[in-house]
């Protein structure tokens, strides 16, 4: 499990979905309620979620910090 303080915007992360493991990039930390594609995200400062974008599809979704883990950098990616 990842700690919320360990994940930040720009990090490459992985999570499990019904289609298997997904890799993507954290776009931002959500700390207030918001709606993403018709889905209500009940984020707060005490219960943040992260907006992530799939590398494969470009789809964006919100995930709780415990659902995310840091992924290795892409091969050939600059540090």
N, C-alpha and C. Protein backbone atom coordinates (compact mmCIF):
# COMPACT_ATOMS: atom_id res chain seq x y z
N UNK A 1 0.83 -1.19 0.00
CA UNK A 1 0.00 0.00 0.00
C UNK A 1 0.87 1.25 0.00
N UNK A 2 0.46 2.23 -0.74
CA UNK A 2 1.21 3.47 -0.81
C UNK A 2 0.67 4.45 0.23
N UNK A 3 1.55 5.23 0.78
CA UNK A 3 1.12 6.30 1.69
C UNK A 3 0.82 7.52 0.83
N UNK A 4 -0.22 8.26 1.20
CA UNK A 4 -0.61 9.39 0.38
C UNK A 4 0.51 10.41 0.23
N UNK A 5 1.36 10.55 1.24
CA UNK A 5 2.45 11.52 1.15
C UNK A 5 3.53 11.05 0.19
N UNK A 6 3.55 9.76 -0.15
CA UNK A 6 4.57 9.23 -1.04
C UNK A 6 4.23 9.45 -2.51
N UNK A 7 2.97 9.72 -2.82
CA UNK A 7 2.54 9.88 -4.21
C UNK A 7 2.31 11.36 -4.48
N UNK A 8 2.77 11.80 -5.66
CA UNK A 8 2.58 13.20 -6.03
C UNK A 8 2.33 13.32 -7.52
N UNK A 9 1.88 14.47 -7.96
CA UNK A 9 1.63 14.73 -9.37
C UNK A 9 2.89 14.44 -10.17
N UNK A 10 2.71 13.76 -11.30
CA UNK A 10 3.83 13.42 -12.16
C UNK A 10 4.38 12.03 -11.94
N UNK A 11 4.03 11.41 -10.80
CA UNK A 11 4.50 10.05 -10.51
C UNK A 11 3.87 9.05 -11.47
N UNK A 12 4.64 8.05 -11.85
CA UNK A 12 4.12 6.91 -12.63
C UNK A 12 3.66 5.87 -11.62
N UNK A 13 2.41 5.43 -11.75
CA UNK A 13 1.82 4.51 -10.78
C UNK A 13 1.12 3.35 -11.48
N UNK A 14 0.83 2.30 -10.70
CA UNK A 14 0.07 1.16 -11.19
C UNK A 14 -1.11 0.92 -10.27
N UNK A 15 -2.18 0.35 -10.83
CA UNK A 15 -3.33 -0.05 -10.04
C UNK A 15 -3.99 -1.23 -10.74
N UNK A 16 -4.80 -1.95 -9.99
CA UNK A 16 -5.52 -3.10 -10.54
C UNK A 16 -6.88 -2.66 -11.04
N UNK A 17 -7.27 -3.20 -12.19
CA UNK A 17 -8.61 -2.95 -12.73
C UNK A 17 -9.19 -4.30 -13.14
N UNK A 18 -10.42 -4.30 -13.59
CA UNK A 18 -11.04 -5.55 -14.02
C UNK A 18 -10.33 -6.13 -15.24
N UNK A 19 -9.59 -5.30 -15.98
CA UNK A 19 -8.84 -5.76 -17.14
C UNK A 19 -7.40 -6.14 -16.80
N UNK A 20 -7.03 -6.03 -15.54
CA UNK A 20 -5.66 -6.35 -15.12
C UNK A 20 -4.94 -5.11 -14.63
N UNK A 21 -3.60 -5.19 -14.56
CA UNK A 21 -2.80 -4.06 -14.08
C UNK A 21 -2.81 -2.92 -15.10
N UNK A 22 -2.96 -1.71 -14.58
CA UNK A 22 -2.95 -0.51 -15.42
C UNK A 22 -1.83 0.39 -14.92
N UNK A 23 -1.12 1.00 -15.85
CA UNK A 23 -0.06 1.94 -15.51
C UNK A 23 -0.46 3.31 -16.03
N UNK A 24 -0.16 4.33 -15.25
CA UNK A 24 -0.50 5.67 -15.67
C UNK A 24 0.25 6.71 -14.87
N UNK A 25 -0.15 7.95 -15.06
CA UNK A 25 0.53 9.07 -14.41
C UNK A 25 -0.44 9.83 -13.54
N UNK A 26 0.04 10.22 -12.35
CA UNK A 26 -0.77 11.04 -11.45
C UNK A 26 -0.84 12.45 -12.02
N UNK A 27 -2.06 12.94 -12.24
CA UNK A 27 -2.25 14.29 -12.75
C UNK A 27 -2.32 15.30 -11.61
N UNK A 28 -3.08 14.95 -10.55
CA UNK A 28 -3.15 15.84 -9.39
C UNK A 28 -3.78 15.13 -8.21
N UNK A 29 -3.53 15.70 -7.03
CA UNK A 29 -4.12 15.23 -5.79
C UNK A 29 -5.45 15.95 -5.61
N UNK A 30 -6.51 15.19 -5.34
CA UNK A 30 -7.83 15.77 -5.13
C UNK A 30 -8.11 15.86 -3.64
N UNK A 31 -8.43 17.06 -3.15
CA UNK A 31 -8.69 17.25 -1.72
C UNK A 31 -10.05 17.89 -1.46
N UNK A 32 -10.90 17.93 -2.48
CA UNK A 32 -12.26 18.42 -2.30
C UNK A 32 -13.19 17.61 -3.21
N UNK A 33 -14.47 17.54 -2.86
CA UNK A 33 -15.41 16.77 -3.68
C UNK A 33 -15.42 17.30 -5.11
N UNK A 34 -15.48 16.38 -6.06
CA UNK A 34 -15.50 16.74 -7.47
C UNK A 34 -16.20 15.66 -8.27
N UNK A 35 -16.52 15.94 -9.51
CA UNK A 35 -17.13 14.95 -10.39
C UNK A 35 -16.21 14.71 -11.58
N UNK A 36 -15.99 13.44 -11.90
CA UNK A 36 -15.16 13.05 -13.03
C UNK A 36 -15.99 12.12 -13.90
N UNK A 37 -16.30 12.56 -15.11
CA UNK A 37 -17.09 11.76 -16.06
C UNK A 37 -18.37 11.23 -15.42
N UNK A 38 -19.07 12.08 -14.69
CA UNK A 38 -20.33 11.70 -14.08
C UNK A 38 -20.22 10.90 -12.79
N UNK A 39 -19.00 10.65 -12.33
CA UNK A 39 -18.78 9.91 -11.08
C UNK A 39 -18.39 10.90 -9.99
N UNK A 40 -19.11 10.86 -8.87
CA UNK A 40 -18.81 11.77 -7.76
C UNK A 40 -17.64 11.23 -6.95
N UNK A 41 -16.64 12.05 -6.73
CA UNK A 41 -15.47 11.69 -5.93
C UNK A 41 -15.55 12.47 -4.63
N UNK A 42 -15.67 11.76 -3.52
CA UNK A 42 -15.83 12.39 -2.21
C UNK A 42 -14.47 12.61 -1.55
N UNK A 43 -13.59 13.30 -2.24
CA UNK A 43 -12.25 13.57 -1.70
C UNK A 43 -12.31 14.71 -0.70
N UNK A 44 -11.36 14.71 0.24
CA UNK A 44 -11.24 15.77 1.24
C UNK A 44 -9.77 15.84 1.67
N UNK A 45 -9.37 16.89 2.39
CA UNK A 45 -7.98 16.95 2.87
C UNK A 45 -7.60 15.73 3.72
N UNK A 46 -8.56 15.21 4.51
CA UNK A 46 -8.28 14.04 5.35
C UNK A 46 -8.44 12.72 4.61
N UNK A 47 -9.07 12.76 3.44
CA UNK A 47 -9.33 11.56 2.66
C UNK A 47 -9.10 11.87 1.18
N UNK A 48 -7.84 12.17 0.80
CA UNK A 48 -7.57 12.58 -0.58
C UNK A 48 -7.68 11.41 -1.56
N UNK A 49 -7.89 11.75 -2.81
CA UNK A 49 -7.82 10.78 -3.90
C UNK A 49 -6.91 11.39 -4.96
N UNK A 50 -6.51 10.57 -5.92
CA UNK A 50 -5.59 11.04 -6.95
C UNK A 50 -6.21 10.87 -8.33
N UNK A 51 -6.14 11.92 -9.14
CA UNK A 51 -6.58 11.86 -10.52
C UNK A 51 -5.43 11.27 -11.31
N UNK A 52 -5.67 10.12 -11.94
CA UNK A 52 -4.64 9.44 -12.71
C UNK A 52 -5.11 9.26 -14.15
N UNK A 53 -4.13 9.21 -15.06
CA UNK A 53 -4.43 9.03 -16.48
C UNK A 53 -3.73 7.78 -16.98
N UNK A 54 -4.49 6.87 -17.58
CA UNK A 54 -3.95 5.62 -18.11
C UNK A 54 -2.99 5.91 -19.26
N UNK A 55 -1.82 5.26 -19.25
CA UNK A 55 -0.88 5.40 -20.36
C UNK A 55 -1.44 4.79 -21.63
N UNK A 56 -2.20 3.72 -21.48
CA UNK A 56 -2.70 2.98 -22.64
C UNK A 56 -3.87 3.68 -23.32
N UNK A 57 -4.84 4.15 -22.53
CA UNK A 57 -6.07 4.69 -23.12
C UNK A 57 -6.22 6.20 -22.99
N UNK A 58 -5.48 6.81 -22.08
CA UNK A 58 -5.63 8.23 -21.83
C UNK A 58 -6.82 8.56 -20.95
N UNK A 59 -7.57 7.52 -20.54
CA UNK A 59 -8.73 7.74 -19.67
C UNK A 59 -8.28 8.21 -18.30
N UNK A 60 -9.05 9.11 -17.71
CA UNK A 60 -8.75 9.62 -16.38
C UNK A 60 -9.76 9.09 -15.37
N UNK A 61 -9.27 8.81 -14.16
CA UNK A 61 -10.12 8.33 -13.08
C UNK A 61 -9.49 8.72 -11.75
N UNK A 62 -10.30 8.73 -10.70
CA UNK A 62 -9.80 9.02 -9.35
C UNK A 62 -9.58 7.70 -8.62
N UNK A 63 -8.48 7.64 -7.87
CA UNK A 63 -8.16 6.45 -7.08
C UNK A 63 -7.73 6.85 -5.69
N UNK A 64 -8.08 6.01 -4.72
CA UNK A 64 -7.62 6.21 -3.34
C UNK A 64 -6.14 5.85 -3.27
N UNK A 65 -5.38 6.49 -2.36
CA UNK A 65 -3.94 6.24 -2.29
C UNK A 65 -3.59 4.77 -2.06
N UNK A 66 -4.42 4.05 -1.29
CA UNK A 66 -4.10 2.65 -1.01
C UNK A 66 -4.27 1.75 -2.23
N UNK A 67 -4.92 2.25 -3.29
CA UNK A 67 -5.09 1.47 -4.52
C UNK A 67 -3.90 1.64 -5.47
N UNK A 68 -3.05 2.63 -5.20
CA UNK A 68 -1.95 2.95 -6.11
C UNK A 68 -0.61 2.52 -5.55
N UNK A 69 0.28 2.12 -6.44
CA UNK A 69 1.67 1.90 -6.03
C UNK A 69 2.56 2.49 -7.11
N UNK A 70 3.71 2.98 -6.68
CA UNK A 70 4.63 3.59 -7.64
C UNK A 70 5.11 2.53 -8.63
N UNK A 71 5.18 2.91 -9.89
CA UNK A 71 5.63 2.02 -10.96
C UNK A 71 7.03 2.44 -11.38
N UNK A 72 7.81 1.49 -11.92
CA UNK A 72 9.14 1.85 -12.41
C UNK A 72 9.02 2.84 -13.56
N UNK A 73 10.05 3.65 -13.73
CA UNK A 73 10.07 4.59 -14.86
C UNK A 73 10.05 3.81 -16.16
N UNK A 74 9.49 4.41 -17.20
CA UNK A 74 9.47 3.78 -18.52
C UNK A 74 10.90 3.61 -19.00
N UNK A 75 11.15 2.52 -19.71
CA UNK A 75 12.48 2.31 -20.28
C UNK A 75 12.78 3.44 -21.25
N UNK A 76 13.96 3.99 -21.14
CA UNK A 76 14.36 5.07 -22.01
C UNK A 76 13.88 6.44 -21.56
N UNK A 77 13.14 6.49 -20.46
CA UNK A 77 12.64 7.77 -19.94
C UNK A 77 13.77 8.51 -19.24
N UNK A 78 13.79 9.82 -19.40
CA UNK A 78 14.80 10.63 -18.72
C UNK A 78 14.39 10.82 -17.27
N UNK A 79 15.36 10.85 -16.37
CA UNK A 79 15.08 11.02 -14.94
C UNK A 79 14.65 12.41 -14.61
